[in-house]
C-alpha atoms as a PDB file:
ATOM      1  CA  MET A   1       0.000   0.000   0.000  1.00  0.00           C
ATOM      2  CA  LYS A   2       2.851   2.378   0.804  1.00  0.00           C
ATOM      3  CA  ILE A   3       4.530   1.714  -2.534  1.00  0.00           C
ATOM      4  CA  THR A   4       1.328   2.501  -4.422  1.00  0.00           C
ATOM      5  CA  ILE A   5       0.979   5.886  -2.728  1.00  0.00           C
ATOM      6  CA  ILE A   6       4.573   6.873  -3.501  1.00  0.00           C
ATOM      7  CA  ILE A   7       4.143   6.016  -7.188  1.00  0.00           C
ATOM      8  CA  LEU A   8       0.882   8.015  -7.399  1.00  0.00           C
ATOM      9  CA  VAL A   9       2.484  11.102  -5.847  1.00  0.00           C
ATOM     10  CA  ALA A  10       5.400  10.871  -8.271  1.00  0.00           C
ATOM     11  CA  VAL A  11       3.074  10.659 -11.255  1.00  0.00           C
ATOM     12  CA  LEU A  12       1.051  13.651 -10.074  1.00  0.00           C
ATOM     13  CA  SER A  13       4.239  15.667  -9.518  1.00  0.00           C
ATOM     14  CA  VAL A  14       5.411  15.061 -13.065  1.00  0.00           C
ATOM     15  CA  GLY A  15       1.974  15.966 -14.453  1.00  0.00           C
ATOM     16  CA  CYS A  16       1.811  19.235 -12.502  1.00  0.00           C
ATOM     17  CA  GLY A  17       5.275  20.281 -13.624  1.00  0.00           C
ATOM     18  CA  ALA A  18       4.718  19.584 -17.331  1.00  0.00           C
ATOM     19  CA  GLN A  19       4.625  22.663 -19.626  1.00  0.00           C
ATOM     20  CA  PRO A  20       1.831  23.061 -22.195  1.00  0.00           C
ATOM     21  CA  VAL A  21       2.848  22.252 -25.736  1.00  0.00           C
ATOM     22  CA  LYS A  22       3.210  25.431 -27.812  1.00  0.00           C
ATOM     23  CA  GLU A  23       1.751  25.506 -31.282  1.00  0.00           C
ATOM     24  CA  PRO A  24       4.478  26.078 -33.879  1.00  0.00           C
ATOM     25  CA  LYS A  25       4.359  29.435 -35.625  1.00  0.00           C
ATOM     26  CA  PRO A  26       3.333  29.310 -39.286  1.00  0.00           C
ATOM     27  CA  ASP A  27       6.276  29.089 -41.649  1.00  0.00           C
ATOM     28  CA  TYR A  28       5.682  32.358 -43.521  1.00  0.00           C
ATOM     29  CA  LEU A  29       7.684  33.500 -46.504  1.00  0.00           C
ATOM     30  CA  LYS A  30      10.028  36.385 -45.759  1.00  0.00           C
ATOM     31  CA  VAL A  31       8.630  39.791 -46.715  1.00  0.00           C
ATOM     32  CA  THR A  32      11.128  41.473 -49.042  1.00  0.00           C
ATOM     33  CA  GLU A  33      11.493  44.974 -50.440  1.00  0.00           C
ATOM     34  CA  ALA A  34      10.045  43.650 -53.685  1.00  0.00           C
ATOM     35  CA  HIS A  35       6.949  42.518 -51.760  1.00  0.00           C
ATOM     36  CA  ILE A  36       6.547  45.955 -50.188  1.00  0.00           C
ATOM     37  CA  GLU A  37       6.862  47.649 -53.580  1.00  0.00           C
ATOM     38  CA  GLU A  38       4.245  45.296 -55.005  1.00  0.00           C
ATOM     39  CA  THR A  39       1.797  46.008 -52.173  1.00  0.00           C
ATOM     40  CA  GLU A  40       2.234  49.724 -52.871  1.00  0.00           C
ATOM     41  CA  ARG A  41       1.431  49.091 -56.543  1.00  0.00           C
ATOM     42  CA  GLN A  42      -1.600  46.987 -55.624  1.00  0.00           C
ATOM     43  CA  SER A  43      -2.798  49.728 -53.250  1.00  0.00           C
ATOM     44  CA  GLU A  44      -2.601  52.261 -56.105  1.00  0.00           C
ATOM     45  CA  LEU A  45      -4.496  49.916 -58.422  1.00  0.00           C
ATOM     46  CA  GLY A  46      -7.149  49.387 -55.749  1.00  0.00           C
ATOM     47  CA  ALA A  47      -7.626  53.145 -55.382  1.00  0.00           C
ATOM     48  CA  ALA A  48      -7.972  53.495 -59.167  1.00  0.00           C
ATOM     49  CA  ILE A  49     -10.521  50.664 -59.276  1.00  0.00           C
ATOM     50  CA  TYR A  50     -12.515  52.305 -56.495  1.00  0.00           C
ATOM     51  CA  GLN A  51     -12.537  55.716 -58.180  1.00  0.00           C
ATOM     52  CA  LYS A  52     -13.726  54.331 -61.523  1.00  0.00           C
ATOM     53  CA  ASP A  53     -16.266  51.977 -59.946  1.00  0.00           C
ATOM     54  CA  ARG A  54     -17.846  54.777 -57.897  1.00  0.00           C
ATOM     55  CA  LEU A  55     -18.022  57.120 -60.887  1.00  0.00           C
ATOM     56  CA  ALA A  56     -19.679  54.420 -62.997  1.00  0.00           C
ATOM     57  CA  ALA A  57     -22.190  53.650 -60.241  1.00  0.00           C
ATOM     58  CA  SER A  58     -23.078  57.316 -59.774  1.00  0.00           C
ATOM     59  CA  ALA A  59     -23.413  57.907 -63.530  1.00  0.00           C
ATOM     60  CA  THR A  60     -25.626  54.840 -63.858  1.00  0.00           C
ATOM     61  CA  ASP A  61     -27.882  56.121 -61.068  1.00  0.00           C
ATOM     62  CA  TYR A  62     -28.105  59.454 -62.893  1.00  0.00           C
ATOM     63  CA  LEU A  63     -29.270  57.799 -66.118  1.00  0.00           C
ATOM     64  CA  PHE A  64     -31.878  55.799 -64.210  1.00  0.00           C
ATOM     65  CA  GLU A  65     -33.166  58.993 -62.599  1.00  0.00           C
ATOM     66  CA  LYS A  66     -33.432  60.624 -66.042  1.00  0.00           C
ATOM     67  CA  GLY A  67     -35.226  57.615 -67.518  1.00  0.00           C
ATOM     68  CA  VAL A  68     -32.448  56.841 -69.976  1.00  0.00           C
ATOM     69  CA  LEU A  69     -31.933  53.479 -68.321  1.00  0.00           C
ATOM     70  CA  PRO A  70     -33.299  50.925 -68.807  1.00  0.00           C
ATOM     71  CA  ASN A  71     -35.103  52.406 -71.831  1.00  0.00           C
ATOM     72  CA  ASP A  72     -32.094  53.000 -74.103  1.00  0.00           C
ATOM     73  CA  THR A  73     -31.485  49.413 -75.142  1.00  0.00           C
ATOM     74  CA  ARG A  74     -28.486  50.394 -77.269  1.00  0.00           C
ATOM     75  CA  ILE A  75     -26.399  50.634 -74.092  1.00  0.00           C
ATOM     76  CA  LYS A  76     -24.448  47.458 -73.368  1.00  0.00           C
ATOM     77  CA  GLY A  77     -21.895  48.783 -70.917  1.00  0.00           C
ATOM     78  CA  TRP A  78     -19.677  51.681 -69.937  1.00  0.00           C
ATOM     79  CA  VAL A  79     -16.086  52.832 -69.701  1.00  0.00           C
ATOM     80  CA  VAL A  80     -14.654  55.491 -67.412  1.00  0.00           C
ATOM     81  CA  ASP A  81     -12.039  57.965 -68.604  1.00  0.00           C
ATOM     82  CA  ILE A  82     -10.250  60.063 -65.980  1.00  0.00           C
ATOM     83  CA  SER A  83      -7.861  62.832 -66.950  1.00  0.00           C
ATOM     84  CA  ASP A  84      -6.420  65.892 -65.233  1.00  0.00           C
ATOM     85  CA  ASP A  85      -9.238  67.966 -66.711  1.00  0.00           C
ATOM     86  CA  ALA A  86     -12.317  65.793 -66.326  1.00  0.00           C
ATOM     87  CA  GLN A  87     -13.913  62.603 -65.063  1.00  0.00           C
ATOM     88  CA  LYS A  88     -16.155  61.076 -67.720  1.00  0.00           C
ATOM     89  CA  VAL A  89     -18.287  57.971 -68.124  1.00  0.00           C
ATOM     90  CA  TYR A  90     -19.239  56.770 -71.593  1.00  0.00           C
ATOM     91  CA  PHE A  91     -22.221  54.482 -72.073  1.00  0.00           C
ATOM     92  CA  MET A  92     -21.618  52.450 -75.189  1.00  0.00           C
ATOM     93  CA  GLY A  93     -22.807  49.631 -77.406  1.00  0.00           C
ATOM     94  CA  ALA A  94     -22.586  48.164 -80.895  1.00  0.00           C
ATOM     95  CA  GLY A  95     -23.979  50.420 -83.612  1.00  0.00           C
ATOM     96  CA  GLU A  96     -24.242  50.261 -87.379  1.00  0.00           C
ATOM     97  CA  SER A  97     -20.645  51.411 -87.841  1.00  0.00           C
ATOM     98  CA  GLY A  98     -19.145  49.508 -84.911  1.00  0.00           C
ATOM     99  CA  ILE A  99     -18.798  50.379 -81.234  1.00  0.00           C
ATOM    100  CA  GLU A 100     -20.404  53.739 -80.478  1.00  0.00           C
ATOM    101  CA  SER A 101     -20.746  56.103 -77.524  1.00  0.00           C
ATOM    102  CA  TYR A 102     -24.390  57.007 -76.895  1.00  0.00           C
ATOM    103  CA  HIS A 103     -24.132  59.031 -73.686  1.00  0.00           C
ATOM    104  CA  GLU A 104     -21.241  61.012 -72.215  1.00  0.00           C
ATOM    105  CA  LEU A 105     -21.510  62.030 -68.565  1.00  0.00           C
ATOM    106  CA  THR A 106     -18.996  64.492 -67.148  1.00  0.00           C
ATOM    107  CA  TYR A 107     -18.578  64.873 -63.391  1.00  0.00           C
ATOM    108  CA  LEU A 108     -17.586  68.384 -62.353  1.00  0.00           C
ATOM    109  CA  ASN A 109     -18.252  70.447 -59.214  1.00  0.00           C
ATOM    110  CA  ASN A 110     -20.145  67.563 -57.596  1.00  0.00           C
ATOM    111  CA  SER A 111     -22.697  67.237 -60.380  1.00  0.00           C
ATOM    112  CA  TRP A 112     -23.177  65.503 -63.728  1.00  0.00           C
ATOM    113  CA  SER A 113     -23.552  67.088 -67.145  1.00  0.00           C
ATOM    114  CA  HIS A 114     -25.056  64.947 -69.894  1.00  0.00           C
ATOM    115  CA  ASN A 115     -24.083  64.923 -73.563  1.00  0.00           C
ATOM    116  CA  GLU A 116     -26.528  62.805 -75.562  1.00  0.00           C
ATOM    117  CA  SER A 117     -24.566  63.000 -78.828  1.00  0.00           C
ATOM    118  CA  PRO A 118     -20.899  62.454 -78.014  1.00  0.00           C
ATOM    119  CA  GLU A 119     -18.204  61.722 -80.549  1.00  0.00           C
ATOM    120  CA  THR A 120     -16.942  58.152 -80.356  1.00  0.00           C
ATOM    121  CA  GLU A 121     -13.218  58.161 -79.644  1.00  0.00           C
ATOM    122  CA  THR A 122     -10.891  55.340 -80.630  1.00  0.00           C
ATOM    123  CA  VAL A 123      -9.499  54.896 -77.129  1.00  0.00           C
ATOM    124  CA  HIS A 124     -12.990  54.397 -75.717  1.00  0.00           C
ATOM    125  CA  GLN A 125     -13.817  51.863 -78.424  1.00  0.00           C
ATOM    126  CA  SER A 126     -10.645  50.008 -77.471  1.00  0.00           C
ATOM    127  CA  MET A 127     -11.523  50.066 -73.761  1.00  0.00           C
ATOM    128  CA  PHE A 128     -15.040  48.860 -74.460  1.00  0.00           C
ATOM    129  CA  GLN A 129     -13.784  46.051 -76.692  1.00  0.00           C
ATOM    130  CA  ALA A 130     -11.387  44.936 -73.945  1.00  0.00           C
ATOM    131  CA  ARG A 131     -14.281  45.027 -71.475  1.00  0.00           C
ATOM    132  CA  GLN A 132     -16.440  42.838 -73.669  1.00  0.00           C
ATOM    133  CA  ILE A 133     -13.645  40.344 -74.326  1.00  0.00           C
ATOM    134  CA  ALA A 134     -12.851  40.096 -70.622  1.00  0.00           C
ATOM    135  CA  SER A 135     -16.493  39.432 -69.777  1.00  0.00           C
ATOM    136  CA  SER A 136     -16.263  36.115 -71.633  1.00  0.00           C
ATOM    137  CA  HIS A 137     -13.221  35.020 -69.591  1.00  0.00           C
ATOM    138  CA  ILE A 138     -14.689  34.787 -66.090  1.00  0.00           C
ATOM    139  CA  ASN A 139     -13.034  31.803 -64.426  1.00  0.00           C
ATOM    140  CA  ILE A 140     -15.008  31.878 -61.208  1.00  0.00           C
ATOM    141  CA  ARG A 141     -18.579  33.147 -61.091  1.00  0.00           C
ATOM    142  CA  CYS A 142     -20.050  34.010 -57.710  1.00  0.00           C
ATOM    143  CA  SER A 143     -22.592  36.666 -58.599  1.00  0.00           C
ATOM    144  CA  GLU A 144     -25.314  37.332 -61.128  1.00  0.00           C
ATOM    145  CA  ARG A 145     -23.944  40.851 -61.569  1.00  0.00           C
ATOM    146  CA  TYR A 146     -20.350  41.758 -62.388  1.00  0.00           C
ATOM    147  CA  ASN A 147     -19.103  45.328 -62.492  1.00  0.00           C
ATOM    148  CA  THR A 148     -16.221  45.914 -64.866  1.00  0.00           C
ATOM    149  CA  VAL A 149     -13.341  48.342 -64.413  1.00  0.00           C
ATOM    150  CA  VAL A 150     -10.811  48.905 -67.195  1.00  0.00           C
ATOM    151  CA  LEU A 151      -7.387  50.233 -66.215  1.00  0.00           C
ATOM    152  CA  SER A 152      -4.406  50.815 -68.477  1.00  0.00           C
ATOM    153  CA  ASP A 153      -0.663  50.493 -68.627  1.00  0.00           C
ATOM    154  CA  GLU A 154       1.632  51.035 -71.605  1.00  0.00           C
ATOM    155  CA  GLU A 155       0.921  47.773 -73.410  1.00  0.00           C
ATOM    156  CA  TYR A 156      -2.153  46.231 -71.842  1.00  0.00           C
ATOM    157  CA  TRP A 157      -5.726  46.807 -70.767  1.00  0.00           C
ATOM    158  CA  LEU A 158      -6.131  45.595 -67.179  1.00  0.00           C
ATOM    159  CA  VAL A 159      -9.723  44.511 -66.732  1.00  0.00           C
ATOM    160  CA  TYR A 160     -11.166  43.769 -63.295  1.00  0.00           C
ATOM    161  CA  LEU A 161     -14.489  41.940 -63.170  1.00  0.00           C
ATOM    162  CA  LEU A 162     -15.934  42.550 -59.723  1.00  0.00           C
ATOM    163  CA  ALA A 163     -18.564  40.269 -58.234  1.00  0.00           C
ATOM    164  CA  SER A 164     -21.220  42.511 -56.723  1.00  0.00           C
ATOM    165  CA  THR A 165     -24.268  42.516 -54.491  1.00  0.00           C
ATOM    166  CA  THR A 166     -27.103  44.921 -53.785  1.00  0.00           C
ATOM    167  CA  ASP A 167     -26.911  44.100 -50.055  1.00  0.00           C
ATOM    168  CA  PRO A 168     -24.938  46.892 -48.312  1.00  0.00           C
ATOM    169  CA  ASP A 169     -24.358  44.653 -45.278  1.00  0.00           C
ATOM    170  CA  VAL A 170     -22.334  42.090 -47.240  1.00  0.00           C
ATOM    171  CA  MET A 171     -18.716  42.317 -48.361  1.00  0.00           C
ATOM    172  CA  VAL A 172     -18.100  40.203 -51.469  1.00  0.00           C
ATOM    173  CA  VAL A 173     -14.542  38.960 -50.975  1.00  0.00           C
ATOM    174  CA  GLY A 174     -14.464  35.949 -53.314  1.00  0.00           C
ATOM    175  CA  GLY A 175     -15.451  35.631 -56.942  1.00  0.00           C
ATOM    176  CA  HIS A 176     -13.562  38.508 -58.565  1.00  0.00           C
ATOM    177  CA  ASN A 177     -11.608  38.061 -61.817  1.00  0.00           C
ATOM    178  CA  PHE A 178      -8.758  39.765 -63.666  1.00  0.00           C
ATOM    179  CA  VAL A 179      -8.028  39.715 -67.397  1.00  0.00           C
ATOM    180  CA  LYS A 180      -4.997  41.271 -69.118  1.00  0.00           C
ATOM    181  CA  ILE A 181      -5.507  42.136 -72.785  1.00  0.00           C
ATOM    182  CA  ASP A 182      -2.948  43.245 -75.368  1.00  0.00           C
ATOM    183  CA  LYS A 183      -3.831  46.752 -76.581  1.00  0.00           C
ATOM    184  CA  SER A 184      -2.619  46.219 -80.130  1.00  0.00           C
ATOM    185  CA  THR A 185      -3.962  42.720 -80.865  1.00  0.00           C
ATOM    186  CA  PHE A 186      -6.714  42.319 -78.245  1.00  0.00           C
ATOM    187  CA  ASP A 187      -5.275  38.896 -77.413  1.00  0.00           C
ATOM    188  CA  VAL A 188      -5.960  37.694 -73.879  1.00  0.00           C
ATOM    189  CA  VAL A 189      -2.538  37.583 -72.238  1.00  0.00           C
ATOM    190  CA  SER A 190      -3.862  36.139 -68.978  1.00  0.00           C
ATOM    191  CA  ALA A 191      -7.207  35.458 -67.345  1.00  0.00           C
ATOM    192  CA  LYS A 192      -7.201  34.770 -63.626  1.00  0.00           C
ATOM    193  CA  ALA A 193      -9.701  34.072 -60.882  1.00  0.00           C
ATOM    194  CA  LEU A 194      -8.673  36.169 -57.877  1.00  0.00           C
ATOM    195  CA  SER A 195      -9.910  33.580 -55.385  1.00  0.00           C
ATOM    196  CA  ASN A 196     -10.374  29.830 -55.259  1.00  0.00           C
ATOM    197  CA  SER A 197     -13.953  30.033 -54.012  1.00  0.00           C
ATOM    198  CA  CYS A 198     -16.896  32.335 -53.422  1.00  0.00           C
ATOM    199  CA  LEU A 199     -16.924  34.209 -50.124  1.00  0.00           C
ATOM    200  CA  ASN A 200     -19.326  36.791 -48.700  1.00  0.00           C
ATOM    201  CA  ILE A 201     -18.572  38.312 -45.296  1.00  0.00           C
ATOM    202  CA  PRO A 202     -21.492  39.800 -43.304  1.00  0.00           C
ATOM    203  CA  LYS A 203     -20.795  43.265 -41.921  1.00  0.00           C
ATOM    204  CA  GLY A 204     -21.992  44.918 -38.755  1.00  0.00           C
ATOM    205  CA  ASP A 205     -20.891  42.441 -36.071  1.00  0.00           C
ATOM    206  CA  GLY A 206     -18.388  44.930 -34.670  1.00  0.00           C
ATOM    207  CA  GLY A 207     -15.290  42.990 -35.704  1.00  0.00           C
ATOM    208  CA  VAL A 208     -12.791  43.590 -38.491  1.00  0.00           C
ATOM    209  CA  PRO A 209     -13.424  41.341 -41.522  1.00  0.00           C
ATOM    210  CA  TYR A 210     -10.795  38.665 -42.124  1.00  0.00           C
ATOM    211  CA  THR A 211     -10.010  36.509 -45.129  1.00  0.00           C
ATOM    212  CA  THR A 212      -7.208  34.275 -46.336  1.00  0.00           C
ATOM    213  CA  HIS A 213      -5.730  34.731 -49.801  1.00  0.00           C
ATOM    214  CA  ILE A 214      -3.737  31.834 -51.267  1.00  0.00           C
ATOM    215  CA  VAL A 215      -3.897  32.662 -54.968  1.00  0.00           C
ATOM    216  CA  ASP A 216      -1.031  35.145 -54.477  1.00  0.00           C
ATOM    217  CA  ASP A 217       1.681  35.681 -51.873  1.00  0.00           C
ATOM    218  CA  LEU A 218       0.322  39.143 -51.042  1.00  0.00           C
ATOM    219  CA  PRO A 219      -2.971  40.982 -50.722  1.00  0.00           C
ATOM    220  CA  ILE A 220      -4.067  42.426 -54.057  1.00  0.00           C
ATOM    221  CA  ALA A 221      -5.833  45.432 -55.545  1.00  0.00           C
ATOM    222  CA  VAL A 222      -9.273  43.959 -54.886  1.00  0.00           C
ATOM    223  CA  HIS A 223      -8.593  43.939 -51.129  1.00  0.00           C
ATOM    224  CA  SER A 224      -7.594  47.602 -51.341  1.00  0.00           C
ATOM    225  CA  PHE A 225     -10.779  48.324 -53.299  1.00  0.00           C
ATOM    226  CA  LEU A 226     -12.955  46.508 -50.739  1.00  0.00           C
ATOM    227  CA  SER A 227     -11.521  48.431 -47.796  1.00  0.00           C
ATOM    228  CA  LEU A 228     -12.342  51.695 -49.583  1.00  0.00           C
ATOM    229  CA  LEU A 229     -15.767  50.564 -50.781  1.00  0.00           C
ATOM    230  CA  HIS A 230     -16.929  49.405 -47.351  1.00  0.00           C
ATOM    231  CA  LYS A 231     -14.959  51.987 -45.367  1.00  0.00           C
ATOM    232  CA  THR A 232     -13.557  49.331 -43.063  1.00  0.00           C
ATOM    233  CA  PRO A 233     -10.185  47.679 -42.463  1.00  0.00           C
ATOM    234  CA  LEU A 234      -9.715  44.172 -43.817  1.00  0.00           C
ATOM    235  CA  TYR A 235      -7.298  41.575 -42.442  1.00  0.00           C
ATOM    236  CA  VAL A 236      -5.779  39.298 -45.086  1.00  0.00           C
ATOM    237  CA  GLY A 237      -3.770  36.158 -44.308  1.00  0.00           C
ATOM    238  CA  THR A 238      -1.240  35.080 -46.953  1.00  0.00           C
ATOM    239  CA  ARG A 239       1.903  32.976 -47.341  1.00  0.00           C
ATOM    240  CA  THR A 240       3.904  36.080 -46.385  1.00  0.00           C
ATOM    241  CA  GLY A 241       1.978  36.453 -43.158  1.00  0.00           C
ATOM    242  CA  PRO A 242      -0.917  38.611 -41.950  1.00  0.00           C
ATOM    243  CA  TRP A 243      -1.656  41.999 -43.496  1.00  0.00           C
ATOM    244  CA  ILE A 244      -4.081  44.784 -42.805  1.00  0.00           C
ATOM    245  CA  VAL A 245      -5.699  46.784 -45.581  1.00  0.00           C
ATOM    246  CA  GLU A 246      -6.958  50.115 -44.308  1.00  0.00           C
ATOM    247  CA  ASN A 247      -8.191  53.088 -46.349  1.00  0.00           C
ATOM    248  CA  GLY A 248      -6.929  51.273 -49.402  1.00  0.00           C
ATOM    249  CA  THR A 249      -3.348  50.888 -48.105  1.00  0.00           C
ATOM    250  CA  ILE A 250      -1.848  47.411 -47.659  1.00  0.00           C
ATOM    251  CA  LYS A 251       0.493  47.017 -44.675  1.00  0.00           C
ATOM    252  CA  SER A 252       2.222  44.048 -43.053  1.00  0.00           C
ATOM    253  CA  ILE A 253       1.389  43.425 -39.386  1.00  0.00           C
ATOM    254  CA  LYS A 254       4.031  40.786 -38.642  1.00  0.00           C
END
């Protein structure tokens, strides 16, 4: 009986002195200067997407208020042209002589002016053609409605196809697409789903929305756009660690 008690005490002593097993830290990729530069570029792209998307939405609302939409069935889409002098939205479609601009809306001094007989410019035809081509290269579809934003660099049209919702209390994180199109040939250089699955995050629970992103090593322009659109920070987990996207700016929080 004495031996049994001694053994039990010894076992309990070892158990009480044992340290809890620590979970190993994730093996993140090292964040380099090149990564930081890329997040800055993606933040700038996200801000550009947001600006064009909001202008297009406001111009569309204007045409609905004026009764142009949905009655003008010639309209098949829009492109947004921003310069130092003006912010303009062109509502376009296929006409008898090719792609035509049917309505030009100019945003100035917090109001819209409406030109119902605009000249059709070559650059806008090119943007619209890129938009239409990109719309047939959606690799992941998570919404009935996709809003399209066309950006530009020297050689390519950069077309973002944004899954959307009419519910203001939902953040659509998954289901967006990106298509790069050669400006001279209109060949599709790349077409990429920006997530592996559909994901909607409810808003209004008081917490900061969080998502993982495994398609790339870093948060991307769409995350920047979402933080601006919903006016909320967004945490993004990637292979390079956790990031926060706030007011459109992507920053590492490691």
